[in-house]
Amino acid sequence: MNAQISAETLALMKAAQSTPLDDIAKNFVQPSTATTGFQLYNLQAPSLKLYPLLTPLRNMISRVSGGFAIQANWKSVTGINSSGLRMGLTEGGRSGVIQQTLLESLAAFRGQGLENNVSFEATYAAQGFEDLKSLAVTQLLQSVMIGEERLDLFGNTSLALGTTPTPTLATATTGGTIAAGTTNSVICVALTGQAYLDMAGWNNGTAGQTFNATTALVPGTITRTNADASTTAFGGGNAQQSANATITTTGSTSTISATVATVTGAVAYAWFIGATVGAERLAAVTTVNSVLLTSIPGSGQLASAIPGGAADASTSVVDYDGLITQAFKPGSNAQIYTMANGTAGTGTGLTSDNAGGVYEFEYMFAQFYNKYRISPTHIFLNSQELINLTKKVVQGNGAPLLQLISSVDEKTVIMAGAKVGSYLNKITGAVIPVIVHPNMAPGTIFFYSETIPYPLEGVPSLVRKLLRQDYYQIEWPITKRRYDYGVYFDGVLQHFAPFSMGLITNIGNL
């Protein structure tokens, strides 16, 4: 019987082999979905890393070990013969005694870091695709660098913004959807760079983030839950909210414009409006000190719900002061140019000098040279301000509108547009690179000096990160079925000559 079956089986196999391939293929078709039928999973390994890692200032600033104790202290002589004594002598007489100007500075060391973990099951599942433990530590270090860039720019542990000034309001009867006959209430909250980036920043480290009034939050007091279940509370970077201001609209399509006095240390302002007092909701974030409100939001954060209540949350006990904060601080002698209020919601834009330059830049360069005999070495700005700067330069006869490109072998091509890549300091002759910074807020331009023509005895760099401990990694003891990692550093940002920095702020998008 078995022999008969074997013979029949062999006969069937021979028949199948003699059948044309097309006839056999009809019995098996390509699966219709990725998870059905006989197929492999066509997955490219490892995962693609499609996030920005841009840290220009962190890359420029030198890192110096040897920090100790709880704070860094330094003394700077910023003037000799400060009273300007004349030198003329009488016969046999002596001269006056010069005076020196001494600046004493200090900054507390701060520990910084982030943590990540990988479960045992995740490592099993990723075998052959990705080394998750290596990825966890690599992305931790990258995240720390991105956070460090934000701190180096906007960290604030000592410059309290205080209470935001009360808005001044005006109304118009057209252009909006605010109903007539309602007494509307407006509140403003001044924001540091850290708070602005959290709320509205085109965020470095995340692709695609932008401002959404229904989901954005003025941070207030942040209470962070840590990996060990402890909590850390610190200021999120906003001033105390203003007192509310009210105005009654008269048209069925009304708008409300609001303006506050500029706040030292702020790079942006959050605006809340409600049809009744106590119902003010977040409606806008501006990088000038005014806004045009066209509607009453039905959703979004209430001003009364800002974490920490009405307290000033502009400083953080776990930050060190960044460069922008150090420039804003009283006594820094940094050059600060604040644009005029202008039209509410629009502000005042940069001004062409009609000679291929911008008036505000020329003013800044003159101040740097007249006061300190220096020139900035870099100009950092937002993409919005680069576009506006280029527009002012082109409009002021500073660049052609079109560039003709031709060769012997190709047709002539017209390349439209122009870009300001550097700016000539007409006073010193220095050519200063103009750099788009990923974290710089619109409405602010930062003039940075990497060097100055002064002797720095014993200090090789003007700006440095003094570290008690540079980047280090900890693989924490296993208490769960997962691997826990942390990447940290401990230090402070020292700028020995803050007068070499400058800011143009409150710039309108014009």
Protein backbone atom coordinates (compact mmCIF):
# COMPACT_ATOMS: atom_id res chain seq x y z
CA MET A 1 0.00 0.00 0.00
CA ASN A 2 2.80 2.36 0.90
CA ALA A 3 4.57 1.53 -2.34
CA GLN A 4 1.37 2.34 -4.27
CA ILE A 5 1.01 5.70 -2.47
CA SER A 6 4.65 6.54 -3.11
CA ALA A 7 4.20 5.77 -6.78
CA GLU A 8 1.14 7.97 -6.96
CA THR A 9 2.94 10.78 -5.12
CA LEU A 10 5.88 10.57 -7.50
CA ALA A 11 3.52 10.67 -10.45
CA LEU A 12 1.84 13.80 -9.11
CA MET A 13 5.19 15.51 -8.53
CA LYS A 14 6.29 14.68 -12.07
CA ALA A 15 3.03 16.10 -13.41
CA ALA A 16 3.45 19.27 -11.35
CA GLN A 17 7.01 19.74 -12.55
CA SER A 18 5.93 19.36 -16.15
CA THR A 19 3.18 21.99 -15.70
CA PRO A 20 4.16 25.52 -16.94
CA LEU A 21 5.24 28.00 -14.18
CA ASP A 22 2.34 30.35 -14.90
CA ASP A 23 -0.14 27.64 -13.98
CA ILE A 24 1.56 27.03 -10.63
CA ALA A 25 1.84 30.72 -9.83
CA LYS A 26 -1.91 31.11 -10.05
CA ASN A 27 -2.17 29.29 -6.74
CA PHE A 28 -0.10 31.96 -4.87
CA VAL A 29 -0.75 35.73 -5.12
CA GLN A 30 1.00 38.75 -3.58
CA PRO A 31 -0.40 39.52 -0.11
CA SER A 32 -2.80 42.45 0.02
CA THR A 33 -1.53 43.87 3.35
CA ALA A 34 1.77 44.05 5.17
CA THR A 35 0.76 41.39 7.70
CA THR A 36 -0.92 38.69 5.57
CA GLY A 37 0.41 35.92 3.37
CA PHE A 38 3.92 34.59 2.91
CA GLN A 39 6.29 37.60 3.04
CA LEU A 40 9.11 39.31 4.87
CA TYR A 41 8.74 42.70 6.57
CA ASN A 42 10.69 45.13 4.36
CA LEU A 43 12.03 47.35 7.18
CA GLN A 44 15.10 49.49 6.75
CA ALA A 45 17.38 49.19 9.77
CA PRO A 46 18.25 50.99 11.93
CA SER A 47 15.68 53.76 12.51
CA LEU A 48 16.23 57.10 10.75
CA LYS A 49 17.22 60.01 13.01
CA LEU A 50 15.27 62.97 11.58
CA TYR A 51 15.55 65.65 14.24
CA PRO A 52 17.67 68.82 14.32
CA LEU A 53 20.81 68.95 16.47
CA LEU A 54 21.99 72.56 16.18
CA THR A 55 24.10 74.06 18.98
CA PRO A 56 26.24 76.87 17.51
CA LEU A 57 26.98 78.75 20.73
CA ARG A 58 27.73 75.61 22.73
CA ASN A 59 30.15 74.63 19.98
CA MET A 60 31.91 78.01 20.16
CA ILE A 61 32.24 78.35 23.92
CA SER A 62 35.35 76.82 25.45
CA ARG A 63 34.94 74.23 28.20
CA VAL A 64 37.37 74.47 31.11
CA SER A 65 37.69 71.98 33.94
CA GLY A 66 38.89 72.77 37.44
CA GLY A 67 35.80 74.33 38.97
CA PHE A 68 35.35 73.75 42.71
CA ALA A 69 33.43 74.98 45.77
CA ILE A 70 29.85 76.20 45.22
CA GLN A 71 30.40 79.21 43.00
CA ALA A 72 32.87 80.84 40.62
CA ASN A 73 34.18 84.28 41.59
CA TRP A 74 36.18 86.75 39.52
CA LYS A 75 37.24 90.37 39.59
CA SER A 76 37.57 92.57 36.51
CA VAL A 77 39.33 95.90 36.20
CA THR A 78 37.13 97.80 33.75
CA GLY A 79 38.73 101.22 34.01
CA ILE A 80 42.04 102.89 34.85
CA ASN A 81 42.27 106.57 35.69
CA SER A 82 38.50 106.37 35.87
CA SER A 83 38.11 109.99 36.93
CA GLY A 84 40.14 111.20 33.93
CA LEU A 85 42.80 113.13 35.86
CA ARG A 86 44.92 115.53 33.77
CA MET A 87 48.70 115.06 33.92
CA GLY A 88 50.13 118.57 33.94
CA LEU A 89 52.73 119.23 36.68
CA THR A 90 53.94 122.36 38.41
CA GLU A 91 57.66 122.78 38.93
CA GLY A 92 58.74 120.36 41.66
CA GLY A 93 55.12 119.31 42.27
CA ARG A 94 53.40 115.96 42.21
CA SER A 95 50.35 114.77 40.26
CA GLY A 96 46.94 113.42 41.23
CA VAL A 97 46.28 109.78 42.17
CA ILE A 98 44.40 107.75 39.60
CA GLN A 99 41.40 105.59 40.45
CA GLN A 100 40.60 102.15 39.06
CA THR A 101 37.15 100.66 38.45
CA LEU A 102 36.80 97.13 39.80
CA LEU A 103 33.88 94.85 39.00
CA GLU A 104 33.31 91.85 41.27
CA SER A 105 31.29 88.95 39.84
CA LEU A 106 30.11 85.54 40.97
CA ALA A 107 28.00 82.72 39.60
CA ALA A 108 26.83 79.53 41.33
CA PHE A 109 27.59 76.16 39.78
CA ARG A 110 24.55 74.25 38.57
CA GLY A 111 24.15 70.58 37.80
CA GLN A 112 22.37 69.81 34.51
CA GLY A 113 21.22 66.53 32.97
CA LEU A 114 18.52 64.27 31.63
CA GLU A 115 17.64 60.58 31.99
CA ASN A 116 16.28 57.76 29.85
CA ASN A 117 15.52 54.07 30.21
CA VAL A 118 15.12 50.93 28.13
CA SER A 119 13.06 47.97 29.31
CA PHE A 120 14.34 44.43 28.98
CA GLU A 121 11.44 43.60 26.66
CA ALA A 122 12.30 46.55 24.40
CA THR A 123 15.85 45.25 23.96
CA TYR A 124 14.52 41.77 23.10
CA ALA A 125 12.10 43.16 20.54
CA ALA A 126 14.71 45.38 18.86
CA GLN A 127 17.35 42.67 18.37
CA GLY A 128 18.61 42.76 14.80
CA PHE A 129 17.08 46.19 14.23
CA GLU A 130 18.53 48.71 16.71
CA ASP A 131 20.89 48.75 19.70
CA LEU A 132 18.45 50.49 22.03
CA LYS A 133 20.83 50.89 24.93
CA SER A 134 23.36 52.68 22.74
CA LEU A 135 20.59 54.76 21.18
CA ALA A 136 19.24 55.77 24.60
CA VAL A 137 22.61 57.14 25.72
CA THR A 138 23.40 58.79 22.39
CA GLN A 139 20.09 60.64 22.31
CA LEU A 140 20.47 61.56 25.96
CA LEU A 141 23.78 63.29 25.20
CA GLN A 142 22.24 65.03 22.20
CA SER A 143 19.28 66.16 24.28
CA VAL A 144 21.60 67.53 26.96
CA MET A 145 23.51 69.48 24.28
CA ILE A 146 20.27 70.95 22.91
CA GLY A 147 19.16 71.90 26.42
CA GLU A 148 22.59 73.37 27.12
CA GLU A 149 22.30 75.60 24.05
CA ARG A 150 19.01 76.96 25.38
CA LEU A 151 20.59 77.56 28.78
CA ASP A 152 23.65 79.22 27.28
CA LEU A 153 21.33 81.64 25.53
CA PHE A 154 18.34 82.13 27.84
CA GLY A 155 19.10 80.52 31.23
CA ASN A 156 17.97 82.81 34.05
CA THR A 157 18.66 82.36 37.73
CA SER A 158 19.09 85.99 38.83
CA LEU A 159 17.11 88.47 36.67
CA ALA A 160 13.55 88.65 37.99
CA LEU A 161 11.10 90.21 35.55
CA GLY A 162 8.69 91.22 38.29
CA THR A 163 5.09 92.14 37.49
CA THR A 164 4.11 92.70 33.87
CA PRO A 165 2.83 96.28 33.37
CA THR A 166 -0.92 96.79 32.95
CA PRO A 167 -1.95 96.90 29.28
CA THR A 168 -3.21 100.07 27.63
CA LEU A 169 -6.22 99.23 25.45
CA ALA A 170 -7.95 100.69 22.41
CA THR A 171 -10.77 99.35 20.24
CA ALA A 172 -11.86 99.60 16.63
CA THR A 173 -15.27 98.67 15.20
CA THR A 174 -14.05 96.66 12.21
CA GLY A 175 -11.61 93.86 11.43
CA GLY A 176 -12.60 91.32 14.04
CA THR A 177 -15.39 89.25 15.51
CA ILE A 178 -15.65 90.69 19.03
CA ALA A 179 -19.28 91.58 19.77
CA ALA A 180 -20.53 95.04 20.65
CA GLY A 181 -21.49 96.08 24.13
CA THR A 182 -19.24 93.68 26.01
CA THR A 183 -16.70 94.76 28.60
CA ASN A 184 -13.63 92.72 27.65
CA SER A 185 -10.74 92.04 29.99
CA VAL A 186 -7.09 91.72 28.86
CA ILE A 187 -4.08 90.38 30.78
CA CYS A 188 -0.45 90.27 29.63
CA VAL A 189 2.43 88.05 30.79
CA ALA A 190 6.04 88.90 29.86
CA LEU A 191 8.15 85.90 28.79
CA THR A 192 11.85 85.11 28.90
CA GLY A 193 13.42 83.11 26.08
CA GLN A 194 12.93 79.81 27.92
CA ALA A 195 9.19 80.36 28.32
CA TYR A 196 8.87 81.60 24.73
CA LEU A 197 10.53 78.47 23.36
CA ASP A 198 8.23 76.25 25.42
CA MET A 199 5.14 78.09 24.18
CA ALA A 200 5.83 79.16 20.63
CA GLY A 201 9.34 78.23 19.60
CA TRP A 202 10.28 76.52 16.38
CA ASN A 203 11.85 74.02 18.68
CA ASN A 204 15.34 72.63 18.28
CA GLY A 205 15.10 68.89 18.84
CA THR A 206 11.54 68.44 17.55
CA ALA A 207 10.48 68.73 13.93
CA GLY A 208 7.45 70.89 13.19
CA GLN A 209 6.59 72.56 16.50
CA THR A 210 4.94 75.97 16.29
CA PHE A 211 2.49 78.09 18.30
CA ASN A 212 -1.05 76.85 18.91
CA ALA A 213 -3.14 79.06 21.19
CA THR A 214 -5.44 76.19 22.20
CA THR A 215 -2.62 73.99 23.50
CA ALA A 216 0.22 76.38 24.45
CA LEU A 217 0.76 77.03 28.15
CA VAL A 218 2.47 79.82 30.04
CA PRO A 219 4.66 77.54 32.18
CA GLY A 220 4.52 79.38 35.52
CA THR A 221 6.08 77.30 38.27
CA ILE A 222 7.18 73.98 36.80
CA THR A 223 7.06 70.91 39.06
CA ARG A 224 9.01 68.14 37.34
CA THR A 225 8.64 64.50 38.36
CA ASN A 226 12.06 62.86 38.33
CA ALA A 227 13.18 59.32 37.58
CA ASP A 228 13.34 58.46 41.29
CA ALA A 229 9.77 59.76 41.84
CA SER A 230 11.02 62.89 43.58
CA THR A 231 9.94 66.31 42.30
CA THR A 232 11.83 69.52 41.49
CA ALA A 233 10.08 72.91 41.35
CA PHE A 234 11.49 75.91 39.51
CA GLY A 235 10.38 78.98 37.60
CA GLY A 236 9.39 78.37 33.99
CA GLY A 237 10.46 81.78 32.73
CA ASN A 238 7.46 84.12 32.84
CA ALA A 239 6.86 87.30 34.79
CA GLN A 240 3.96 87.76 37.15
CA GLN A 241 0.85 88.44 35.10
CA SER A 242 -0.34 92.03 34.78
CA ALA A 243 -3.40 93.48 36.39
CA ASN A 244 -6.32 93.16 34.01
CA ALA A 245 -7.44 96.09 31.86
CA THR A 246 -10.97 96.41 30.50
CA ILE A 247 -12.59 98.08 27.51
CA THR A 248 -16.11 98.06 26.08
CA THR A 249 -16.53 97.38 22.38
CA THR A 250 -19.12 99.23 20.29
CA GLY A 251 -19.14 97.44 16.93
CA SER A 252 -20.30 93.93 16.06
CA THR A 253 -16.96 93.23 14.30
CA SER A 254 -14.66 94.90 16.81
CA THR A 255 -10.95 94.44 17.53
CA ILE A 256 -8.96 95.34 20.63
CA SER A 257 -5.35 96.51 20.55
CA ALA A 258 -3.20 96.27 23.67
CA THR A 259 0.23 97.63 24.56
CA VAL A 260 2.44 97.29 27.64
CA ALA A 261 5.67 99.01 28.58
CA THR A 262 8.62 96.84 27.55
CA VAL A 263 9.97 94.56 30.28
CA THR A 264 13.75 94.25 30.71
CA GLY A 265 14.70 90.62 30.14
CA ALA A 266 11.59 89.72 28.15
CA VAL A 267 11.74 88.59 24.53
CA ALA A 268 8.00 87.93 24.12
CA TYR A 269 4.57 88.56 25.64
CA ALA A 270 1.59 86.26 26.15
CA TRP A 271 -1.88 87.84 25.83
CA PHE A 272 -5.11 86.68 27.48
CA ILE A 273 -8.59 88.04 26.74
CA GLY A 274 -12.06 87.25 28.02
CA ALA A 275 -15.56 88.68 27.67
CA THR A 276 -15.72 88.85 31.47
CA VAL A 277 -13.20 89.43 34.22
CA GLY A 278 -11.76 86.10 35.35
CA ALA A 279 -12.43 84.37 32.01
CA GLU A 280 -9.30 85.58 30.22
CA ARG A 281 -7.86 82.86 27.95
CA LEU A 282 -4.60 82.70 26.03
CA ALA A 283 -5.10 84.27 22.60
CA ALA A 284 -1.65 85.18 21.28
CA VAL A 285 2.08 85.32 21.89
CA THR A 286 3.94 88.26 20.34
CA THR A 287 7.61 89.18 20.17
CA VAL A 288 6.78 92.88 20.43
CA ASN A 289 5.13 94.59 23.38
CA SER A 290 1.70 94.87 21.76
CA VAL A 291 -1.02 92.81 20.10
CA LEU A 292 -4.12 93.17 17.94
CA LEU A 293 -6.86 90.88 19.28
CA THR A 294 -9.62 90.04 16.82
CA SER A 295 -11.64 87.40 18.67
CA ILE A 296 -12.46 85.95 22.08
CA PRO A 297 -11.02 82.40 22.37
CA GLY A 298 -13.40 79.69 23.49
CA SER A 299 -10.64 77.34 24.62
CA GLY A 300 -7.06 77.49 25.80
CA GLN A 301 -5.25 78.26 29.04
CA LEU A 302 -6.96 80.55 31.54
CA ALA A 303 -4.78 83.27 33.05
CA SER A 304 -6.07 82.15 36.44
CA ALA A 305 -4.74 78.63 35.73
CA ILE A 306 -1.08 79.52 35.24
CA PRO A 307 0.82 77.16 37.59
CA GLY A 308 2.01 79.00 40.68
CA GLY A 309 -0.76 81.57 40.48
CA ALA A 310 0.22 85.21 40.22
CA ALA A 311 3.84 84.72 41.34
CA ASP A 312 6.83 85.86 39.29
CA ALA A 313 8.24 82.64 37.80
CA SER A 314 10.89 84.24 35.59
CA THR A 315 13.94 82.83 37.40
CA SER A 316 14.94 79.22 38.01
CA VAL A 317 16.95 77.89 40.96
CA VAL A 318 18.37 75.14 38.73
CA ASP A 319 19.56 77.41 35.88
CA TYR A 320 22.70 79.41 35.40
CA ASP A 321 22.50 82.80 33.67
CA GLY A 322 22.73 82.58 29.89
CA LEU A 323 24.24 85.18 27.60
CA ILE A 324 20.99 87.05 26.91
CA THR A 325 20.26 87.27 30.63
CA GLN A 326 23.80 88.46 31.38
CA ALA A 327 23.41 91.15 28.72
CA PHE A 328 20.05 92.31 30.12
CA LYS A 329 21.22 92.43 33.75
CA PRO A 330 21.65 95.90 35.28
CA GLY A 331 25.32 96.84 35.47
CA SER A 332 26.38 94.66 32.55
CA ASN A 333 26.86 97.76 30.37
CA ALA A 334 25.79 95.71 27.35
CA GLN A 335 24.37 97.73 24.47
CA ILE A 336 20.56 97.45 24.54
CA TYR A 337 18.48 99.08 21.80
CA THR A 338 14.70 98.81 22.24
CA MET A 339 12.55 99.57 19.22
CA ALA A 340 9.69 102.03 19.63
CA ASN A 341 6.16 100.74 20.25
CA GLY A 342 4.80 101.58 16.80
CA THR A 343 1.35 100.38 15.75
CA ALA A 344 -0.18 97.97 18.25
CA GLY A 345 0.28 94.40 17.08
CA THR A 346 2.81 95.44 14.46
CA GLY A 347 5.55 97.36 16.27
CA THR A 348 8.46 99.11 14.61
CA GLY A 349 10.72 97.32 12.17
CA LEU A 350 14.40 97.82 11.36
CA THR A 351 15.19 101.00 9.42
CA SER A 352 17.17 101.18 6.19
CA ASP A 353 19.92 103.81 6.27
CA ASN A 354 19.62 104.18 2.46
CA ALA A 355 23.31 103.37 2.13
CA GLY A 356 23.20 99.59 1.98
CA GLY A 357 22.86 99.18 5.72
CA VAL A 358 20.47 99.36 8.67
CA TYR A 359 20.34 102.35 10.99
CA GLU A 360 20.02 100.29 14.18
CA PHE A 361 23.11 98.24 13.30
CA GLU A 362 25.13 101.37 12.61
CA TYR A 363 24.03 102.82 15.95
CA MET A 364 25.09 99.65 17.78
CA PHE A 365 28.52 99.60 16.12
CA ALA A 366 29.07 103.25 17.03
CA GLN A 367 28.17 102.55 20.67
CA PHE A 368 30.48 99.54 20.85
CA TYR A 369 33.40 101.54 19.48
CA ASN A 370 32.78 104.88 21.20
CA LYS A 371 32.33 103.32 24.63
CA TYR A 372 34.68 100.35 24.53
CA ARG A 373 36.76 100.45 21.31
CA ILE A 374 35.46 97.04 20.25
CA SER A 375 33.38 95.39 17.54
CA PRO A 376 31.13 92.34 17.90
CA THR A 377 32.35 89.22 16.09
CA HIS A 378 29.00 87.49 15.43
CA ILE A 379 25.38 88.53 14.91
CA PHE A 380 22.77 85.92 15.86
CA LEU A 381 19.14 86.29 14.81
CA ASN A 382 15.95 84.46 13.95
CA SER A 383 15.03 83.56 10.36
CA GLN A 384 12.33 86.26 10.45
CA GLU A 385 14.88 88.94 11.25
CA LEU A 386 17.29 87.71 8.57
CA ILE A 387 14.53 88.09 5.98
CA ASN A 388 13.69 91.58 7.25
CA LEU A 389 17.36 92.58 7.44
CA THR A 390 17.90 91.46 3.85
CA LYS A 391 14.82 93.37 2.75
CA LYS A 392 16.06 96.58 4.38
CA VAL A 393 19.51 96.21 2.83
CA VAL A 394 18.12 95.52 -0.66
CA GLN A 395 15.63 98.38 -0.40
CA GLY A 396 18.48 100.63 0.68
CA ASN A 397 20.44 100.02 -2.54
CA GLY A 398 22.63 97.46 -0.85
CA ALA A 399 22.22 94.51 -3.23
CA PRO A 400 20.90 93.69 -6.71
CA LEU A 401 17.50 92.08 -7.01
CA LEU A 402 18.60 89.64 -9.70
CA GLN A 403 21.76 87.70 -10.40
CA LEU A 404 22.53 86.50 -13.92
CA ILE A 405 24.42 83.21 -14.17
CA SER A 406 25.67 82.07 -17.57
CA SER A 407 28.30 79.78 -19.01
CA VAL A 408 29.51 78.81 -22.45
CA ASP A 409 27.72 75.46 -22.41
CA GLU A 410 24.47 76.42 -20.69
CA LYS A 411 21.65 78.89 -21.07
CA THR A 412 21.62 82.01 -18.94
CA VAL A 413 19.77 81.46 -15.64
CA ILE A 414 18.21 84.20 -13.55
CA MET A 415 18.66 83.70 -9.80
CA ALA A 416 16.27 85.91 -7.86
CA GLY A 417 16.74 87.15 -4.35
CA ALA A 418 19.60 88.10 -2.05
CA LYS A 419 20.74 87.18 1.45
CA VAL A 420 22.75 89.08 4.01
CA GLY A 421 25.47 86.64 5.06
CA SER A 422 27.72 89.17 6.78
CA TYR A 423 27.67 92.82 7.75
CA LEU A 424 30.50 95.34 7.44
CA ASN A 425 31.24 97.39 10.52
CA LYS A 426 32.10 100.65 8.79
CA ILE A 427 33.87 101.97 11.90
CA THR A 428 36.37 99.15 12.46
CA GLY A 429 36.31 97.48 9.04
CA ALA A 430 35.37 94.13 10.60
CA VAL A 431 33.18 91.83 8.51
CA ILE A 432 30.74 90.21 10.92
CA PRO A 433 28.98 86.93 10.06
CA VAL A 434 25.18 87.03 10.34
CA ILE A 435 23.99 83.66 11.66
CA VAL A 436 20.47 82.27 12.00
CA HIS A 437 20.26 80.72 15.47
CA PRO A 438 17.74 77.88 15.96
CA ASN A 439 16.60 79.15 19.37
CA MET A 440 16.68 82.92 18.90
CA ALA A 441 13.23 84.46 19.29
CA PRO A 442 11.87 86.67 16.50
CA GLY A 443 12.05 90.33 17.40
CA THR A 444 15.50 90.05 19.02
CA ILE A 445 18.98 90.34 17.46
CA PHE A 446 22.03 89.35 19.53
CA PHE A 447 25.47 90.91 19.02
CA TYR A 448 28.13 88.57 20.39
CA SER A 449 31.85 89.07 20.88
CA GLU A 450 34.00 85.96 20.90
CA THR A 451 37.12 88.10 21.44
CA ILE A 452 38.01 91.68 22.33
CA PRO A 453 41.30 93.53 21.75
CA TYR A 454 42.11 93.65 25.47
CA PRO A 455 44.67 91.61 27.43
CA LEU A 456 43.10 88.65 29.23
CA GLU A 457 45.89 87.66 31.57
CA GLY A 458 45.55 84.04 32.63
CA VAL A 459 42.25 83.63 30.79
CA PRO A 460 42.54 82.33 27.22
CA SER A 461 38.90 83.03 26.29
CA LEU A 462 36.42 85.84 26.83
CA VAL A 463 33.53 83.43 27.42
CA ARG A 464 33.89 79.98 28.92
CA LYS A 465 32.03 77.15 30.58
CA LEU A 466 33.79 76.55 33.91
CA LEU A 467 33.04 72.99 34.95
CA ARG A 468 33.23 71.09 38.17
CA GLN A 469 32.46 68.05 36.01
CA ASP A 470 32.08 67.86 32.22
CA TYR A 471 29.73 65.41 30.49
CA TYR A 472 29.45 62.10 32.30
CA GLN A 473 27.14 59.10 32.07
CA ILE A 474 25.65 57.00 34.85
CA GLU A 475 24.08 53.59 34.34
CA TRP A 476 21.93 53.41 37.44
CA PRO A 477 21.59 50.18 39.46
CA ILE A 478 18.85 47.90 38.16
CA THR A 479 15.80 48.09 40.42
CA LYS A 480 13.29 47.11 37.73
CA ARG A 481 13.59 45.02 34.62
CA ARG A 482 15.01 47.93 32.67
CA TYR A 483 18.25 49.80 32.12
CA ASP A 484 18.30 53.38 33.49
CA TYR A 485 20.78 55.94 32.15
CA GLY A 486 21.62 59.55 32.89
CA VAL A 487 23.89 62.07 31.15
CA TYR A 488 24.94 65.13 33.13
CA PHE A 489 27.42 67.98 33.57
CA ASP A 490 28.04 70.52 36.32
CA GLY A 491 29.25 74.04 35.66
CA VAL A 492 28.54 77.69 35.04
CA LEU A 493 28.74 80.06 32.09
CA GLN A 494 31.23 82.89 32.66
CA HIS A 495 31.34 86.01 30.51
CA PHE A 496 34.20 88.22 31.64
CA ALA A 497 33.19 91.25 29.55
CA PRO A 498 29.39 91.42 29.26
CA PHE A 499 29.72 94.97 27.92
CA SER A 500 30.90 93.36 24.67
CA MET A 501 27.40 91.96 24.03
CA GLY A 502 24.43 93.81 22.60
CA LEU A 503 20.73 93.35 21.86
CA ILE A 504 18.20 94.97 19.58
CA THR A 505 14.79 94.04 21.00
CA ASN A 506 11.09 94.59 20.35
CA ILE A 507 11.61 94.48 16.57
CA GLY A 508 8.43 94.43 14.49
CA ASN A 509 8.01 92.02 11.60
CA LEU A 510 8.27 94.65 8.89
